[in-house]
């Protein structure tokens, strides 16, 4: 009985309480009444393509719409060849799910401003862009109807697939990108090359990851854990909670 009580207390502290706290704050924020009323315009986060120097890869994220935004972000990928225009790739829940340039590369998502998860430029971006395009083309859930908001495959499952397929990107998905841990089948176990550890998942409903970088526990798509590399707690709803302020990822990356 004591073990059961302890388990319940841990689950409440790590998963339920953060959701309740962040959800209470989120309900007080002003939000558009519908997707039609939302602002999808460019945020000005990225340098205009004609002024950007060289090839670049961005992974961006923004809070999703409605009450879902209390729990999850929406992620997408932006590519730019040297001298070329930005190409944005998202997965959405209507029509043909994989969209190219359906929105501005740094567009707001349901009026929520985006932020840069990772920016890669220079020779590294030039080498990896073809591999990213191959991974996008090989995504197995690209047909109409191949979308499930929970546990996946959803927009974050798509971006996570690309990042797993091209581990040299070295990108870690935001912990509050629900759907990122979705894998086909009921059980998935793999070496996580990007973080040098292991990852186990039961259909995206439960799982864990461990490496020298940190530990994560997934319960019903919510993630709790700790980042050892850049010390922070990972809490459902909140996402990454750093122990001390950290600079945001630059929207204009250094040349690689």
C-alpha atoms as a PDB file:
ATOM      1  CA  UNK A   1       0.000   0.000   0.000  1.00  0.00           C
ATOM      2  CA  UNK A   2       2.835   2.422   0.809  1.00  0.00           C
ATOM      3  CA  UNK A   3       4.410   1.755  -2.599  1.00  0.00           C
ATOM      4  CA  UNK A   4       1.081   2.448  -4.286  1.00  0.00           C
ATOM      5  CA  UNK A   5       0.693   5.713  -2.391  1.00  0.00           C
ATOM      6  CA  UNK A   6       4.255   6.702  -3.260  1.00  0.00           C
ATOM      7  CA  UNK A   7       3.656   5.943  -6.948  1.00  0.00           C
ATOM      8  CA  UNK A   8       0.469   8.003  -6.939  1.00  0.00           C
ATOM      9  CA  UNK A   9       2.281  10.883  -5.217  1.00  0.00           C
ATOM     10  CA  UNK A  10       5.089  10.818  -7.796  1.00  0.00           C
ATOM     11  CA  UNK A  11       2.665  10.753 -10.724  1.00  0.00           C
ATOM     12  CA  UNK A  12       0.662  13.607  -9.229  1.00  0.00           C
ATOM     13  CA  UNK A  13       3.759  15.718  -8.541  1.00  0.00           C
ATOM     14  CA  UNK A  14       5.491  15.151 -11.882  1.00  0.00           C
ATOM     15  CA  UNK A  15       2.544  14.998 -14.268  1.00  0.00           C
ATOM     16  CA  UNK A  16      -0.824  16.089 -12.895  1.00  0.00           C
ATOM     17  CA  UNK A  17       0.191  19.100 -10.793  1.00  0.00           C
ATOM     18  CA  UNK A  18       2.266  20.813 -13.532  1.00  0.00           C
ATOM     19  CA  UNK A  19      -0.599  20.330 -15.999  1.00  0.00           C
ATOM     20  CA  UNK A  20      -3.088  21.849 -13.564  1.00  0.00           C
ATOM     21  CA  UNK A  21      -0.845  24.826 -12.791  1.00  0.00           C
ATOM     22  CA  UNK A  22       0.112  25.630 -16.361  1.00  0.00           C
ATOM     23  CA  UNK A  23      -3.417  24.929 -17.585  1.00  0.00           C
ATOM     24  CA  UNK A  24      -4.850  27.393 -15.061  1.00  0.00           C
ATOM     25  CA  UNK A  25      -2.471  30.094 -16.318  1.00  0.00           C
ATOM     26  CA  UNK A  26      -3.190  29.240 -19.959  1.00  0.00           C
ATOM     27  CA  UNK A  27      -6.955  29.609 -19.555  1.00  0.00           C
ATOM     28  CA  UNK A  28      -6.432  33.214 -18.460  1.00  0.00           C
ATOM     29  CA  UNK A  29      -4.600  34.152 -21.661  1.00  0.00           C
ATOM     30  CA  UNK A  30      -6.465  35.820 -24.493  1.00  0.00           C
ATOM     31  CA  UNK A  31      -6.776  33.480 -27.478  1.00  0.00           C
ATOM     32  CA  UNK A  32      -8.544  33.625 -30.855  1.00  0.00           C
ATOM     33  CA  UNK A  33     -12.015  32.091 -30.851  1.00  0.00           C
ATOM     34  CA  UNK A  34     -11.253  29.899 -33.882  1.00  0.00           C
ATOM     35  CA  UNK A  35      -8.583  29.166 -36.470  1.00  0.00           C
ATOM     36  CA  UNK A  36     -10.276  31.669 -38.781  1.00  0.00           C
ATOM     37  CA  UNK A  37      -9.795  34.425 -36.199  1.00  0.00           C
ATOM     38  CA  UNK A  38      -6.170  33.449 -35.481  1.00  0.00           C
ATOM     39  CA  UNK A  39      -3.114  35.331 -36.712  1.00  0.00           C
ATOM     40  CA  UNK A  40      -0.983  33.178 -39.070  1.00  0.00           C
ATOM     41  CA  UNK A  41       1.213  35.980 -40.360  1.00  0.00           C
ATOM     42  CA  UNK A  42       5.004  36.160 -40.396  1.00  0.00           C
ATOM     43  CA  UNK A  43       6.438  36.983 -36.991  1.00  0.00           C
ATOM     44  CA  UNK A  44       9.675  38.594 -38.216  1.00  0.00           C
ATOM     45  CA  UNK A  45      11.736  36.029 -36.315  1.00  0.00           C
ATOM     46  CA  UNK A  46      13.818  34.992 -39.327  1.00  0.00           C
ATOM     47  CA  UNK A  47      15.972  37.167 -41.533  1.00  0.00           C
ATOM     48  CA  UNK A  48      14.351  37.596 -44.978  1.00  0.00           C
ATOM     49  CA  UNK A  49      15.682  34.892 -47.314  1.00  0.00           C
ATOM     50  CA  UNK A  50      17.121  37.438 -49.781  1.00  0.00           C
ATOM     51  CA  UNK A  51      19.215  38.904 -46.950  1.00  0.00           C
ATOM     52  CA  UNK A  52      20.253  35.578 -45.379  1.00  0.00           C
ATOM     53  CA  UNK A  53      23.720  34.355 -46.234  1.00  0.00           C
ATOM     54  CA  UNK A  54      24.167  30.723 -47.252  1.00  0.00           C
ATOM     55  CA  UNK A  55      22.192  27.515 -46.615  1.00  0.00           C
ATOM     56  CA  UNK A  56      20.312  27.037 -43.358  1.00  0.00           C
ATOM     57  CA  UNK A  57      18.127  24.567 -41.492  1.00  0.00           C
ATOM     58  CA  UNK A  58      15.717  25.644 -38.781  1.00  0.00           C
ATOM     59  CA  UNK A  59      13.544  23.655 -36.429  1.00  0.00           C
ATOM     60  CA  UNK A  60      10.860  25.972 -35.050  1.00  0.00           C
ATOM     61  CA  UNK A  61       8.062  25.589 -32.530  1.00  0.00           C
ATOM     62  CA  UNK A  62       5.076  27.539 -31.269  1.00  0.00           C
ATOM     63  CA  UNK A  63       2.247  26.806 -28.878  1.00  0.00           C
ATOM     64  CA  UNK A  64      -0.650  25.143 -30.618  1.00  0.00           C
ATOM     65  CA  UNK A  65      -4.231  26.396 -30.599  1.00  0.00           C
ATOM     66  CA  UNK A  66      -7.032  26.366 -28.062  1.00  0.00           C
ATOM     67  CA  UNK A  67      -6.714  24.478 -24.810  1.00  0.00           C
ATOM     68  CA  UNK A  68      -4.259  22.100 -26.508  1.00  0.00           C
ATOM     69  CA  UNK A  69      -1.731  24.904 -26.252  1.00  0.00           C
ATOM     70  CA  UNK A  70      -1.573  24.362 -22.505  1.00  0.00           C
ATOM     71  CA  UNK A  71       0.009  20.975 -23.134  1.00  0.00           C
ATOM     72  CA  UNK A  72       1.847  21.068 -26.420  1.00  0.00           C
ATOM     73  CA  UNK A  73       3.746  23.004 -29.040  1.00  0.00           C
ATOM     74  CA  UNK A  74       3.533  22.534 -32.802  1.00  0.00           C
ATOM     75  CA  UNK A  75       6.891  22.039 -34.554  1.00  0.00           C
ATOM     76  CA  UNK A  76       8.023  22.448 -38.149  1.00  0.00           C
ATOM     77  CA  UNK A  77      11.134  22.474 -40.332  1.00  0.00           C
ATOM     78  CA  UNK A  78      12.489  25.281 -42.508  1.00  0.00           C
ATOM     79  CA  UNK A  79      15.172  24.748 -45.166  1.00  0.00           C
ATOM     80  CA  UNK A  80      17.031  27.205 -47.381  1.00  0.00           C
ATOM     81  CA  UNK A  81      19.626  26.399 -50.029  1.00  0.00           C
ATOM     82  CA  UNK A  82      22.377  28.890 -50.751  1.00  0.00           C
ATOM     83  CA  UNK A  83      20.785  31.728 -52.689  1.00  0.00           C
ATOM     84  CA  UNK A  84      17.365  30.114 -52.438  1.00  0.00           C
ATOM     85  CA  UNK A  85      14.065  30.820 -50.722  1.00  0.00           C
ATOM     86  CA  UNK A  86      12.837  29.390 -47.450  1.00  0.00           C
ATOM     87  CA  UNK A  87      10.928  26.106 -47.602  1.00  0.00           C
ATOM     88  CA  UNK A  88       8.649  25.302 -44.679  1.00  0.00           C
ATOM     89  CA  UNK A  89       7.424  21.760 -43.968  1.00  0.00           C
ATOM     90  CA  UNK A  90       4.583  20.955 -41.539  1.00  0.00           C
ATOM     91  CA  UNK A  91       2.222  18.105 -40.928  1.00  0.00           C
ATOM     92  CA  UNK A  92      -1.393  19.122 -40.323  1.00  0.00           C
ATOM     93  CA  UNK A  93      -4.632  17.357 -39.470  1.00  0.00           C
ATOM     94  CA  UNK A  94      -6.673  18.174 -42.564  1.00  0.00           C
ATOM     95  CA  UNK A  95      -6.407  17.384 -46.261  1.00  0.00           C
ATOM     96  CA  UNK A  96      -3.052  16.234 -47.535  1.00  0.00           C
ATOM     97  CA  UNK A  97      -1.120  16.259 -44.247  1.00  0.00           C
ATOM     98  CA  UNK A  98       2.420  17.168 -45.333  1.00  0.00           C
ATOM     99  CA  UNK A  99       2.394  20.831 -46.327  1.00  0.00           C
ATOM    100  CA  UNK A 100       5.150  22.744 -48.091  1.00  0.00           C
ATOM    101  CA  UNK A 101       5.071  26.525 -47.750  1.00  0.00           C
ATOM    102  CA  UNK A 102       1.471  26.579 -46.572  1.00  0.00           C
ATOM    103  CA  UNK A 103       2.449  29.245 -44.042  1.00  0.00           C
ATOM    104  CA  UNK A 104       5.210  31.856 -43.737  1.00  0.00           C
ATOM    105  CA  UNK A 105       8.480  30.209 -42.625  1.00  0.00           C
ATOM    106  CA  UNK A 106       8.352  32.027 -39.276  1.00  0.00           C
ATOM    107  CA  UNK A 107       4.572  32.395 -39.150  1.00  0.00           C
ATOM    108  CA  UNK A 108       2.614  32.522 -35.932  1.00  0.00           C
ATOM    109  CA  UNK A 109       0.676  29.376 -35.087  1.00  0.00           C
ATOM    110  CA  UNK A 110      -2.858  30.094 -33.878  1.00  0.00           C
ATOM    111  CA  UNK A 111      -1.568  33.605 -33.037  1.00  0.00           C
ATOM    112  CA  UNK A 112       1.247  32.168 -30.875  1.00  0.00           C
ATOM    113  CA  UNK A 113       4.758  33.442 -31.711  1.00  0.00           C
ATOM    114  CA  UNK A 114       7.360  30.861 -32.770  1.00  0.00           C
ATOM    115  CA  UNK A 115      10.819  30.296 -31.367  1.00  0.00           C
ATOM    116  CA  UNK A 116      13.925  28.597 -32.751  1.00  0.00           C
ATOM    117  CA  UNK A 117      14.620  25.125 -31.356  1.00  0.00           C
ATOM    118  CA  UNK A 118      17.794  24.703 -33.423  1.00  0.00           C
ATOM    119  CA  UNK A 119      19.509  26.575 -36.244  1.00  0.00           C
ATOM    120  CA  UNK A 120      22.171  25.013 -38.471  1.00  0.00           C
ATOM    121  CA  UNK A 121      24.014  26.865 -41.224  1.00  0.00           C
ATOM    122  CA  UNK A 122      27.027  26.821 -43.490  1.00  0.00           C
ATOM    123  CA  UNK A 123      28.704  23.645 -44.710  1.00  0.00           C
ATOM    124  CA  UNK A 124      26.866  21.489 -42.193  1.00  0.00           C
ATOM    125  CA  UNK A 125      23.485  22.709 -43.425  1.00  0.00           C
ATOM    126  CA  UNK A 126      24.545  22.254 -47.058  1.00  0.00           C
ATOM    127  CA  UNK A 127      25.499  18.632 -46.329  1.00  0.00           C
ATOM    128  CA  UNK A 128      22.378  17.809 -44.332  1.00  0.00           C
ATOM    129  CA  UNK A 129      19.639  19.530 -46.387  1.00  0.00           C
ATOM    130  CA  UNK A 130      19.479  16.696 -48.994  1.00  0.00           C
ATOM    131  CA  UNK A 131      19.212  14.139 -46.168  1.00  0.00           C
ATOM    132  CA  UNK A 132      16.408  16.125 -44.538  1.00  0.00           C
ATOM    133  CA  UNK A 133      14.521  16.231 -47.837  1.00  0.00           C
ATOM    134  CA  UNK A 134      14.943  12.467 -48.206  1.00  0.00           C
ATOM    135  CA  UNK A 135      13.590  11.919 -44.697  1.00  0.00           C
ATOM    136  CA  UNK A 136      10.592  14.160 -45.420  1.00  0.00           C
ATOM    137  CA  UNK A 137       9.859  12.245 -48.639  1.00  0.00           C
ATOM    138  CA  UNK A 138      10.163   8.905 -46.807  1.00  0.00           C
ATOM    139  CA  UNK A 139       7.754   9.795 -43.975  1.00  0.00           C
ATOM    140  CA  UNK A 140       5.383   6.808 -43.736  1.00  0.00           C
ATOM    141  CA  UNK A 141       2.277   8.765 -42.615  1.00  0.00           C
ATOM    142  CA  UNK A 142       1.916  11.207 -45.497  1.00  0.00           C
ATOM    143  CA  UNK A 143      -1.455  10.119 -46.944  1.00  0.00           C
ATOM    144  CA  UNK A 144      -4.860  11.661 -46.292  1.00  0.00           C
ATOM    145  CA  UNK A 145      -6.177  10.424 -42.966  1.00  0.00           C
ATOM    146  CA  UNK A 146      -2.695   9.642 -41.631  1.00  0.00           C
ATOM    147  CA  UNK A 147      -3.106  12.027 -38.719  1.00  0.00           C
ATOM    148  CA  UNK A 148      -4.089  11.383 -35.124  1.00  0.00           C
ATOM    149  CA  UNK A 149      -3.863  14.216 -32.647  1.00  0.00           C
ATOM    150  CA  UNK A 150      -3.006  11.771 -29.841  1.00  0.00           C
ATOM    151  CA  UNK A 151      -0.834   9.816 -29.336  1.00  0.00           C
ATOM    152  CA  UNK A 152       0.185  10.247 -32.977  1.00  0.00           C
ATOM    153  CA  UNK A 153       1.175  10.337 -35.737  1.00  0.00           C
ATOM    154  CA  UNK A 154       0.711  14.108 -35.622  1.00  0.00           C
ATOM    155  CA  UNK A 155       2.720  17.195 -36.519  1.00  0.00           C
ATOM    156  CA  UNK A 156       5.369  16.522 -33.892  1.00  0.00           C
ATOM    157  CA  UNK A 157       5.639  12.851 -34.881  1.00  0.00           C
ATOM    158  CA  UNK A 158       6.550  14.049 -38.387  1.00  0.00           C
ATOM    159  CA  UNK A 159       9.341  16.371 -37.222  1.00  0.00           C
ATOM    160  CA  UNK A 160      10.624  13.735 -34.777  1.00  0.00           C
ATOM    161  CA  UNK A 161      10.809  11.218 -37.656  1.00  0.00           C
ATOM    162  CA  UNK A 162      12.985  13.616 -39.654  1.00  0.00           C
ATOM    163  CA  UNK A 163      15.273  14.292 -36.697  1.00  0.00           C
ATOM    164  CA  UNK A 164      15.682  10.571 -35.966  1.00  0.00           C
ATOM    165  CA  UNK A 165      16.382   9.891 -39.645  1.00  0.00           C
ATOM    166  CA  UNK A 166      19.118  12.555 -39.734  1.00  0.00           C
ATOM    167  CA  UNK A 167      20.799  12.253 -36.324  1.00  0.00           C
ATOM    168  CA  UNK A 168      23.674  14.514 -37.388  1.00  0.00           C
ATOM    169  CA  UNK A 169      21.242  17.403 -37.016  1.00  0.00           C
ATOM    170  CA  UNK A 170      21.752  16.965 -33.276  1.00  0.00           C
ATOM    171  CA  UNK A 171      18.305  18.346 -32.482  1.00  0.00           C
ATOM    172  CA  UNK A 172      16.295  17.395 -29.415  1.00  0.00           C
ATOM    173  CA  UNK A 173      12.549  17.919 -29.725  1.00  0.00           C
ATOM    174  CA  UNK A 174      10.908  20.118 -27.074  1.00  0.00           C
ATOM    175  CA  UNK A 175       9.708  17.959 -24.196  1.00  0.00           C
ATOM    176  CA  UNK A 176       6.208  19.439 -24.555  1.00  0.00           C
ATOM    177  CA  UNK A 177       5.890  18.477 -28.226  1.00  0.00           C
ATOM    178  CA  UNK A 178       3.212  15.828 -27.678  1.00  0.00           C
ATOM    179  CA  UNK A 179       3.442  13.112 -30.318  1.00  0.00           C
ATOM    180  CA  UNK A 180       7.214  13.287 -30.659  1.00  0.00           C
ATOM    181  CA  UNK A 181       7.631   9.835 -29.052  1.00  0.00           C
ATOM    182  CA  UNK A 182       5.067   8.113 -31.257  1.00  0.00           C
ATOM    183  CA  UNK A 183       6.399   5.035 -33.069  1.00  0.00           C
ATOM    184  CA  UNK A 184       4.560   2.475 -35.190  1.00  0.00           C
ATOM    185  CA  UNK A 185       3.763  -0.708 -33.294  1.00  0.00           C
ATOM    186  CA  UNK A 186       3.295  -1.155 -29.586  1.00  0.00           C
ATOM    187  CA  UNK A 187       6.915  -1.315 -28.515  1.00  0.00           C
ATOM    188  CA  UNK A 188       9.971   0.552 -29.731  1.00  0.00           C
ATOM    189  CA  UNK A 189      13.505   0.422 -28.373  1.00  0.00           C
ATOM    190  CA  UNK A 190      16.459   2.150 -29.971  1.00  0.00           C
ATOM    191  CA  UNK A 191      19.807   3.750 -29.439  1.00  0.00           C
ATOM    192  CA  UNK A 192      19.381   7.499 -29.590  1.00  0.00           C
ATOM    193  CA  UNK A 193      22.424   8.580 -31.585  1.00  0.00           C
ATOM    194  CA  UNK A 194      21.612  12.270 -31.280  1.00  0.00           C
ATOM    195  CA  UNK A 195      21.889  12.103 -27.477  1.00  0.00           C
ATOM    196  CA  UNK A 196      24.068   9.027 -27.047  1.00  0.00           C
ATOM    197  CA  UNK A 197      21.533   7.079 -24.984  1.00  0.00           C
ATOM    198  CA  UNK A 198      18.558   4.747 -25.163  1.00  0.00           C
ATOM    199  CA  UNK A 199      14.878   5.387 -25.865  1.00  0.00           C
ATOM    200  CA  UNK A 200      11.946   3.072 -25.204  1.00  0.00           C
ATOM    201  CA  UNK A 201       8.319   3.716 -26.089  1.00  0.00           C
ATOM    202  CA  UNK A 202       5.019   1.867 -25.888  1.00  0.00           C
ATOM    203  CA  UNK A 203       3.130   3.372 -28.805  1.00  0.00           C
ATOM    204  CA  UNK A 204       3.855   6.887 -27.551  1.00  0.00           C
ATOM    205  CA  UNK A 205       1.659   6.213 -24.499  1.00  0.00           C
ATOM    206  CA  UNK A 206       4.480   5.452 -22.098  1.00  0.00           C
ATOM    207  CA  UNK A 207       8.227   5.220 -22.213  1.00  0.00           C
ATOM    208  CA  UNK A 208      11.546   6.555 -21.063  1.00  0.00           C
ATOM    209  CA  UNK A 209      14.836   7.887 -22.367  1.00  0.00           C
ATOM    210  CA  UNK A 210      18.184   8.030 -20.621  1.00  0.00           C
ATOM    211  CA  UNK A 211      21.606   9.313 -21.596  1.00  0.00           C
ATOM    212  CA  UNK A 212      24.466  11.341 -20.210  1.00  0.00           C
ATOM    213  CA  UNK A 213      22.433  14.365 -21.295  1.00  0.00           C
ATOM    214  CA  UNK A 214      19.437  13.617 -19.094  1.00  0.00           C
ATOM    215  CA  UNK A 215      16.466  11.425 -18.303  1.00  0.00           C
ATOM    216  CA  UNK A 216      12.843  11.558 -19.466  1.00  0.00           C
ATOM    217  CA  UNK A 217       9.702   9.665 -18.550  1.00  0.00           C
ATOM    218  CA  UNK A 218       6.708   9.681 -20.908  1.00  0.00           C
ATOM    219  CA  UNK A 219       3.219   9.077 -19.546  1.00  0.00           C
ATOM    220  CA  UNK A 220       0.286   9.380 -21.954  1.00  0.00           C
ATOM    221  CA  UNK A 221       2.334  11.719 -24.136  1.00  0.00           C
ATOM    222  CA  UNK A 222       3.350  14.010 -21.276  1.00  0.00           C
ATOM    223  CA  UNK A 223       7.063  14.188 -20.489  1.00  0.00           C
ATOM    224  CA  UNK A 224       8.772  14.787 -17.151  1.00  0.00           C
ATOM    225  CA  UNK A 225      12.490  14.619 -16.578  1.00  0.00           C
ATOM    226  CA  UNK A 226      15.747  16.495 -16.211  1.00  0.00           C
ATOM    227  CA  UNK A 227      18.361  17.890 -18.563  1.00  0.00           C
ATOM    228  CA  UNK A 228      21.897  17.405 -17.258  1.00  0.00           C
ATOM    229  CA  UNK A 229      23.712  19.110 -20.134  1.00  0.00           C
ATOM    230  CA  UNK A 230      21.990  22.491 -19.831  1.00  0.00           C
ATOM    231  CA  UNK A 231      20.530  22.016 -16.342  1.00  0.00           C
ATOM    232  CA  UNK A 232      16.759  22.208 -16.387  1.00  0.00           C
ATOM    233  CA  UNK A 233      13.618  20.409 -15.346  1.00  0.00           C
ATOM    234  CA  UNK A 234      11.265  19.078 -18.015  1.00  0.00           C
ATOM    235  CA  UNK A 235       7.666  19.458 -16.888  1.00  0.00           C
ATOM    236  CA  UNK A 236       4.373  18.735 -18.659  1.00  0.00           C
ATOM    237  CA  UNK A 237       2.781  21.911 -19.964  1.00  0.00           C
ATOM    238  CA  UNK A 238       5.716  24.096 -18.935  1.00  0.00           C
ATOM    239  CA  UNK A 239       8.245  22.285 -21.088  1.00  0.00           C
ATOM    240  CA  UNK A 240      11.806  23.219 -20.257  1.00  0.00           C
ATOM    241  CA  UNK A 241      12.280  25.057 -16.950  1.00  0.00           C
ATOM    242  CA  UNK A 242      15.932  26.142 -16.710  1.00  0.00           C
ATOM    243  CA  UNK A 243      17.657  26.501 -13.361  1.00  0.00           C
ATOM    244  CA  UNK A 244      19.000  29.868 -14.484  1.00  0.00           C
ATOM    245  CA  UNK A 245      18.235  32.110 -17.480  1.00  0.00           C
ATOM    246  CA  UNK A 246      19.687  30.976 -20.795  1.00  0.00           C
ATOM    247  CA  UNK A 247      20.016  32.911 -24.051  1.00  0.00           C
ATOM    248  CA  UNK A 248      17.467  32.054 -26.714  1.00  0.00           C
ATOM    249  CA  UNK A 249      18.652  30.176 -29.796  1.00  0.00           C
ATOM    250  CA  UNK A 250      19.745  32.735 -32.358  1.00  0.00           C
ATOM    251  CA  UNK A 251      17.381  33.237 -35.292  1.00  0.00           C
ATOM    252  CA  UNK A 252      20.429  34.102 -37.415  1.00  0.00           C
ATOM    253  CA  UNK A 253      22.802  31.142 -36.958  1.00  0.00           C
ATOM    254  CA  UNK A 254      26.548  31.356 -37.092  1.00  0.00           C
ATOM    255  CA  UNK A 255      28.201  29.917 -40.188  1.00  0.00           C
ATOM    256  CA  UNK A 256      29.143  26.267 -39.743  1.00  0.00           C
END
